[in-house]
PDB file of N, CA and C in Angstrom:
ATOM      1  N   UNK A   1      31.621 -19.915 -23.094  1.00  0.00           N
ATOM      2  CA  UNK A   1      31.885 -18.399 -23.214  1.00  0.00           C
ATOM      3  C   UNK A   1      31.938 -17.772 -21.646  1.00  0.00           C
ATOM      4  N   UNK A   2      32.487 -17.050 -21.431  1.00  0.00           N
ATOM      5  CA  UNK A   2      32.775 -16.330 -20.316  1.00  0.00           C
ATOM      6  C   UNK A   2      31.085 -15.445 -19.887  1.00  0.00           C
ATOM      7  N   UNK A   3      30.846 -15.376 -18.528  1.00  0.00           N
ATOM      8  CA  UNK A   3      29.804 -14.618 -18.411  1.00  0.00           C
ATOM      9  C   UNK A   3      29.868 -13.353 -18.799  1.00  0.00           C
ATOM     10  N   UNK A   4      28.807 -12.686 -19.075  1.00  0.00           N
ATOM     11  CA  UNK A   4      28.556 -11.211 -19.408  1.00  0.00           C
ATOM     12  C   UNK A   4      28.107 -10.185 -18.328  1.00  0.00           C
ATOM     13  N   UNK A   5      28.753  -9.146 -17.910  1.00  0.00           N
ATOM     14  CA  UNK A   5      28.013  -8.350 -16.635  1.00  0.00           C
ATOM     15  C   UNK A   5      27.594  -7.093 -17.322  1.00  0.00           C
ATOM     16  N   UNK A   6      26.310  -6.992 -17.084  1.00  0.00           N
ATOM     17  CA  UNK A   6      25.456  -5.846 -17.635  1.00  0.00           C
ATOM     18  C   UNK A   6      25.407  -4.933 -16.227  1.00  0.00           C
ATOM     19  N   UNK A   7      25.310  -3.517 -16.359  1.00  0.00           N
ATOM     20  CA  UNK A   7      25.137  -2.491 -15.399  1.00  0.00           C
ATOM     21  C   UNK A   7      24.042  -1.526 -15.586  1.00  0.00           C
ATOM     22  N   UNK A   8      23.601  -0.965 -14.455  1.00  0.00           N
ATOM     23  CA  UNK A   8      22.600   0.109 -14.670  1.00  0.00           C
ATOM     24  C   UNK A   8      23.423   1.315 -14.041  1.00  0.00           C
ATOM     25  N   UNK A   9      24.588   1.599 -14.167  1.00  0.00           N
ATOM     26  CA  UNK A   9      25.072   2.861 -13.605  1.00  0.00           C
ATOM     27  C   UNK A   9      24.567   3.957 -14.391  1.00  0.00           C
ATOM     28  N   UNK A  10      24.575   3.913 -15.705  1.00  0.00           N
ATOM     29  CA  UNK A  10      24.212   5.201 -16.292  1.00  0.00           C
ATOM     30  C   UNK A  10      22.568   5.614 -15.725  1.00  0.00           C
ATOM     31  N   UNK A  11      21.679   4.558 -15.699  1.00  0.00           N
ATOM     32  CA  UNK A  11      20.271   4.708 -15.458  1.00  0.00           C
ATOM     33  C   UNK A  11      20.395   5.366 -13.916  1.00  0.00           C
ATOM     34  N   UNK A  12      21.038   4.877 -12.995  1.00  0.00           N
ATOM     35  CA  UNK A  12      21.094   5.097 -11.559  1.00  0.00           C
ATOM     36  C   UNK A  12      21.846   6.588 -11.642  1.00  0.00           C
ATOM     37  N   UNK A  13      22.802   6.839 -12.313  1.00  0.00           N
ATOM     38  CA  UNK A  13      23.648   8.312 -12.331  1.00  0.00           C
ATOM     39  C   UNK A  13      22.727   9.374 -12.806  1.00  0.00           C
ATOM     40  N   UNK A  14      22.107   9.025 -13.953  1.00  0.00           N
ATOM     41  CA  UNK A  14      20.922   9.885 -14.477  1.00  0.00           C
ATOM     42  C   UNK A  14      19.760  10.223 -13.449  1.00  0.00           C
ATOM     43  N   UNK A  15      19.252   9.119 -12.869  1.00  0.00           N
ATOM     44  CA  UNK A  15      18.403   9.311 -12.004  1.00  0.00           C
ATOM     45  C   UNK A  15      18.691  10.182 -10.853  1.00  0.00           C
ATOM     46  N   UNK A  16      19.861  10.337 -10.466  1.00  0.00           N
ATOM     47  CA  UNK A  16      20.330  11.366  -9.375  1.00  0.00           C
ATOM     48  C   UNK A  16      20.394  12.575  -9.788  1.00  0.00           C
ATOM     49  N   UNK A  17      20.594  12.885 -11.239  1.00  0.00           N
ATOM     50  CA  UNK A  17      20.787  13.932 -11.822  1.00  0.00           C
ATOM     51  C   UNK A  17      22.362  14.432 -11.673  1.00  0.00           C
ATOM     52  N   UNK A  18      23.213  13.526 -11.585  1.00  0.00           N
ATOM     53  CA  UNK A  18      24.645  13.649 -11.459  1.00  0.00           C
ATOM     54  C   UNK A  18      25.304  13.642 -13.206  1.00  0.00           C
ATOM     55  N   UNK A  19      26.418  14.197 -13.371  1.00  0.00           N
ATOM     56  CA  UNK A  19      27.172  14.055 -14.430  1.00  0.00           C
ATOM     57  C   UNK A  19      27.910  12.699 -14.196  1.00  0.00           C
ATOM     58  N   UNK A  20      28.547  12.420 -15.658  1.00  0.00           N
ATOM     59  CA  UNK A  20      29.631  11.479 -15.429  1.00  0.00           C
ATOM     60  C   UNK A  20      30.780  12.131 -14.305  1.00  0.00           C
ATOM     61  N   UNK A  21      31.196  13.340 -14.616  1.00  0.00           N
ATOM     62  CA  UNK A  21      32.323  13.948 -13.727  1.00  0.00           C
ATOM     63  C   UNK A  21      32.034  13.747 -12.271  1.00  0.00           C
ATOM     64  N   UNK A  22      30.607  14.000 -12.024  1.00  0.00           N
ATOM     65  CA  UNK A  22      30.481  14.095 -10.704  1.00  0.00           C
ATOM     66  C   UNK A  22      30.155  12.725  -9.701  1.00  0.00           C
ATOM     67  N   UNK A  23      29.874  11.796 -10.837  1.00  0.00           N
ATOM     68  CA  UNK A  23      30.016  10.296 -10.417  1.00  0.00           C
ATOM     69  C   UNK A  23      31.343   9.766 -10.068  1.00  0.00           C
ATOM     70  N   UNK A  24      32.377  10.361 -11.083  1.00  0.00           N
ATOM     71  CA  UNK A  24      33.686   9.965 -10.986  1.00  0.00           C
ATOM     72  C   UNK A  24      34.076  10.537  -9.592  1.00  0.00           C
ATOM     73  N   UNK A  25      34.158  11.872  -9.481  1.00  0.00           N
ATOM     74  CA  UNK A  25      34.444  12.130  -8.052  1.00  0.00           C
ATOM     75  C   UNK A  25      34.243  11.473  -6.874  1.00  0.00           C
ATOM     76  N   UNK A  26      32.830  11.238  -6.983  1.00  0.00           N
ATOM     77  CA  UNK A  26      32.260  10.539  -5.633  1.00  0.00           C
ATOM     78  C   UNK A  26      32.955   9.128  -5.660  1.00  0.00           C
ATOM     79  N   UNK A  27      33.197   8.351  -6.474  1.00  0.00           N
ATOM     80  CA  UNK A  27      33.913   7.004  -6.455  1.00  0.00           C
ATOM     81  C   UNK A  27      35.472   7.061  -6.632  1.00  0.00           C
ATOM     82  N   UNK A  28      35.977   8.120  -7.004  1.00  0.00           N
ATOM     83  CA  UNK A  28      37.454   8.329  -7.023  1.00  0.00           C
ATOM     84  C   UNK A  28      38.140   7.729  -8.215  1.00  0.00           C
ATOM     85  N   UNK A  29      37.410   7.770  -9.439  1.00  0.00           N
ATOM     86  CA  UNK A  29      37.945   7.395 -10.666  1.00  0.00           C
ATOM     87  C   UNK A  29      38.005   8.549 -11.867  1.00  0.00           C
ATOM     88  N   UNK A  30      38.383   8.252 -13.157  1.00  0.00           N
ATOM     89  CA  UNK A  30      38.314   9.279 -13.721  1.00  0.00           C
ATOM     90  C   UNK A  30      36.815   9.362 -14.561  1.00  0.00           C
ATOM     91  N   UNK A  31      36.378  10.353 -15.350  1.00  0.00           N
ATOM     92  CA  UNK A  31      35.312  10.405 -16.249  1.00  0.00           C
ATOM     93  C   UNK A  31      35.278   9.634 -17.308  1.00  0.00           C
ATOM     94  N   UNK A  32      36.472   9.078 -17.613  1.00  0.00           N
ATOM     95  CA  UNK A  32      36.729   8.147 -19.009  1.00  0.00           C
ATOM     96  C   UNK A  32      36.333   6.826 -18.446  1.00  0.00           C
ATOM     97  N   UNK A  33      36.567   6.613 -17.039  1.00  0.00           N
ATOM     98  CA  UNK A  33      36.276   5.266 -16.413  1.00  0.00           C
ATOM     99  C   UNK A  33      34.850   5.055 -16.515  1.00  0.00           C
ATOM    100  N   UNK A  34      34.336   5.951 -16.008  1.00  0.00           N
ATOM    101  CA  UNK A  34      32.765   5.907 -15.779  1.00  0.00           C
ATOM    102  C   UNK A  34      32.119   5.778 -17.247  1.00  0.00           C
ATOM    103  N   UNK A  35      32.573   6.362 -18.345  1.00  0.00           N
ATOM    104  CA  UNK A  35      32.128   6.046 -19.510  1.00  0.00           C
ATOM    105  C   UNK A  35      32.148   4.849 -20.222  1.00  0.00           C
ATOM    106  N   UNK A  36      33.450   4.384 -19.735  1.00  0.00           N
ATOM    107  CA  UNK A  36      33.794   2.752 -20.070  1.00  0.00           C
ATOM    108  C   UNK A  36      32.719   1.976 -19.450  1.00  0.00           C
ATOM    109  N   UNK A  37      32.539   2.121 -18.149  1.00  0.00           N
ATOM    110  CA  UNK A  37      31.739   1.183 -17.368  1.00  0.00           C
ATOM    111  C   UNK A  37      30.382   1.292 -17.817  1.00  0.00           C
ATOM    112  N   UNK A  38      29.995   2.752 -18.198  1.00  0.00           N
ATOM    113  CA  UNK A  38      28.612   2.725 -18.617  1.00  0.00           C
ATOM    114  C   UNK A  38      28.275   2.121 -20.213  1.00  0.00           C
ATOM    115  N   UNK A  39      29.449   2.215 -20.811  1.00  0.00           N
ATOM    116  CA  UNK A  39      29.379   1.884 -22.172  1.00  0.00           C
ATOM    117  C   UNK A  39      29.580   0.024 -22.246  1.00  0.00           C
ATOM    118  N   UNK A  40      29.536  -0.516 -21.196  1.00  0.00           N
ATOM    119  CA  UNK A  40      29.916  -1.974 -20.981  1.00  0.00           C
ATOM    120  C   UNK A  40      31.483  -2.497 -21.444  1.00  0.00           C
ATOM    121  N   UNK A  41      32.103  -1.549 -21.610  1.00  0.00           N
ATOM    122  CA  UNK A  41      33.605  -1.828 -22.369  1.00  0.00           C
ATOM    123  C   UNK A  41      34.654  -2.302 -21.031  1.00  0.00           C
ATOM    124  N   UNK A  42      34.076  -1.704 -19.822  1.00  0.00           N
ATOM    125  CA  UNK A  42      35.258  -2.265 -18.517  1.00  0.00           C
ATOM    126  C   UNK A  42      34.114  -2.588 -17.243  1.00  0.00           C
ATOM    127  N   UNK A  43      34.572  -3.802 -16.625  1.00  0.00           N
ATOM    128  CA  UNK A  43      33.868  -4.437 -15.740  1.00  0.00           C
ATOM    129  C   UNK A  43      34.544  -4.033 -14.465  1.00  0.00           C
ATOM    130  N   UNK A  44      34.152  -2.805 -13.523  1.00  0.00           N
ATOM    131  CA  UNK A  44      34.970  -2.666 -12.347  1.00  0.00           C
ATOM    132  C   UNK A  44      35.103  -3.921 -11.355  1.00  0.00           C
ATOM    133  N   UNK A  45      36.105  -3.786 -10.637  1.00  0.00           N
ATOM    134  CA  UNK A  45      36.435  -4.880  -9.260  1.00  0.00           C
ATOM    135  C   UNK A  45      35.512  -4.665  -8.208  1.00  0.00           C
ATOM    136  N   UNK A  46      35.558  -5.376  -7.584  1.00  0.00           N
ATOM    137  CA  UNK A  46      34.869  -5.580  -6.535  1.00  0.00           C
ATOM    138  C   UNK A  46      35.141  -4.085  -5.478  1.00  0.00           C
ATOM    139  N   UNK A  47      36.139  -3.650  -5.229  1.00  0.00           N
ATOM    140  CA  UNK A  47      35.999  -2.599  -4.568  1.00  0.00           C
ATOM    141  C   UNK A  47      35.387  -1.191  -5.085  1.00  0.00           C
ATOM    142  N   UNK A  48      35.550  -1.268  -6.296  1.00  0.00           N
ATOM    143  CA  UNK A  48      34.745  -0.098  -7.174  1.00  0.00           C
ATOM    144  C   UNK A  48      33.262  -0.435  -7.088  1.00  0.00           C
ATOM    145  N   UNK A  49      32.708  -1.620  -7.165  1.00  0.00           N
ATOM    146  CA  UNK A  49      31.241  -2.034  -7.325  1.00  0.00           C
ATOM    147  C   UNK A  49      30.908  -1.668  -5.998  1.00  0.00           C
ATOM    148  N   UNK A  50      31.476  -1.890  -4.915  1.00  0.00           N
ATOM    149  CA  UNK A  50      30.973  -1.648  -3.348  1.00  0.00           C
ATOM    150  C   UNK A  50      31.001   0.040  -3.061  1.00  0.00           C
ATOM    151  N   UNK A  51      31.874   0.790  -3.906  1.00  0.00           N
ATOM    152  CA  UNK A  51      32.006   1.729  -3.695  1.00  0.00           C
ATOM    153  C   UNK A  51      30.560   2.556  -4.569  1.00  0.00           C
ATOM    154  N   UNK A  52      30.239   2.141  -5.814  1.00  0.00           N
ATOM    155  CA  UNK A  52      29.060   2.442  -6.482  1.00  0.00           C
ATOM    156  C   UNK A  52      27.795   2.011  -5.717  1.00  0.00           C
ATOM    157  N   UNK A  53      27.746   0.715  -5.024  1.00  0.00           N
ATOM    158  CA  UNK A  53      26.732   0.346  -4.232  1.00  0.00           C
ATOM    159  C   UNK A  53      26.351   1.686  -3.024  1.00  0.00           C
ATOM    160  N   UNK A  54      27.503   1.716  -2.434  1.00  0.00           N
ATOM    161  CA  UNK A  54      27.433   2.852  -1.455  1.00  0.00           C
ATOM    162  C   UNK A  54      27.001   4.238  -1.777  1.00  0.00           C
ATOM    163  N   UNK A  55      27.240   4.712  -2.810  1.00  0.00           N
ATOM    164  CA  UNK A  55      26.982   6.061  -3.247  1.00  0.00           C
ATOM    165  C   UNK A  55      25.679   5.975  -3.873  1.00  0.00           C
ATOM    166  N   UNK A  56      25.200   5.020  -4.373  1.00  0.00           N
ATOM    167  CA  UNK A  56      23.833   4.931  -4.865  1.00  0.00           C
ATOM    168  C   UNK A  56      22.812   4.527  -3.784  1.00  0.00           C
ATOM    169  N   UNK A  57      23.279   4.041  -2.736  1.00  0.00           N
ATOM    170  CA  UNK A  57      22.579   3.513  -1.709  1.00  0.00           C
ATOM    171  C   UNK A  57      21.759   2.310  -1.787  1.00  0.00           C
ATOM    172  N   UNK A  58      22.380   1.347  -2.547  1.00  0.00           N
ATOM    173  CA  UNK A  58      21.741   0.105  -3.021  1.00  0.00           C
ATOM    174  C   UNK A  58      22.576  -1.113  -3.103  1.00  0.00           C
ATOM    175  N   UNK A  59      22.309  -2.316  -3.170  1.00  0.00           N
ATOM    176  CA  UNK A  59      23.072  -3.348  -3.267  1.00  0.00           C
ATOM    177  C   UNK A  59      23.702  -3.442  -4.619  1.00  0.00           C
ATOM    178  N   UNK A  60      24.826  -4.212  -4.583  1.00  0.00           N
ATOM    179  CA  UNK A  60      25.504  -4.505  -5.834  1.00  0.00           C
ATOM    180  C   UNK A  60      24.447  -5.046  -6.806  1.00  0.00           C
ATOM    181  N   UNK A  61      23.873  -6.131  -6.432  1.00  0.00           N
ATOM    182  CA  UNK A  61      22.863  -6.835  -7.166  1.00  0.00           C
ATOM    183  C   UNK A  61      22.007  -5.927  -8.019  1.00  0.00           C
ATOM    184  N   UNK A  62      21.573  -4.876  -7.272  1.00  0.00           N
ATOM    185  CA  UNK A  62      20.617  -3.688  -8.059  1.00  0.00           C
ATOM    186  C   UNK A  62      21.548  -2.908  -9.184  1.00  0.00           C
ATOM    187  N   UNK A  63      22.974  -3.029  -9.127  1.00  0.00           N
ATOM    188  CA  UNK A  63      23.663  -2.122  -9.955  1.00  0.00           C
ATOM    189  C   UNK A  63      24.152  -3.031 -11.315  1.00  0.00           C
ATOM    190  N   UNK A  64      24.953  -4.369 -10.993  1.00  0.00           N
ATOM    191  CA  UNK A  64      25.167  -5.191 -11.423  1.00  0.00           C
ATOM    192  C   UNK A  64      24.736  -6.421 -11.714  1.00  0.00           C
ATOM    193  N   UNK A  65      24.531  -7.064 -12.875  1.00  0.00           N
ATOM    194  CA  UNK A  65      23.864  -8.430 -13.361  1.00  0.00           C
ATOM    195  C   UNK A  65      24.680  -9.161 -14.041  1.00  0.00           C
ATOM    196  N   UNK A  66      24.879 -10.524 -13.609  1.00  0.00           N
ATOM    197  CA  UNK A  66      25.556 -11.319 -14.213  1.00  0.00           C
ATOM    198  C   UNK A  66      24.731 -12.270 -15.299  1.00  0.00           C
ATOM    199  N   UNK A  67      25.207 -12.071 -16.616  1.00  0.00           N
ATOM    200  CA  UNK A  67      24.177 -12.698 -17.615  1.00  0.00           C
ATOM    201  C   UNK A  67      25.167 -14.039 -18.053  1.00  0.00           C
ATOM    202  N   UNK A  68      24.619 -15.353 -17.762  1.00  0.00           N
ATOM    203  CA  UNK A  68      25.394 -16.586 -18.082  1.00  0.00           C
ATOM    204  C   UNK A  68      24.684 -17.237 -19.312  1.00  0.00           C
ATOM    205  N   UNK A  69      25.445 -17.333 -20.244  1.00  0.00           N
ATOM    206  CA  UNK A  69      24.669 -17.823 -21.553  1.00  0.00           C
ATOM    207  C   UNK A  69      24.911 -19.435 -21.550  1.00  0.00           C
ATOM    208  N   UNK A  70      23.792 -20.084 -21.771  1.00  0.00           N
ATOM    209  CA  UNK A  70      23.866 -21.476 -21.528  1.00  0.00           C
ATOM    210  C   UNK A  70      23.450 -22.126 -22.948  1.00  0.00           C
TER     211      UNK A  70
END
């Protein structure tokens, strides 16, 4: 089974007091993309993950976690 990626995007966004639209504008994607990422229906690529890290001021590892089932 492939690894599963969990994220803290919603938690970090809410902690900043931002709407999905405000975060979407900050990283250059649609609000629907943010919604899909927060709902774990879409895993962003490296470039977008790096943008999240820059916007939130933390490492990618603080935002995304790789879960490997054994």
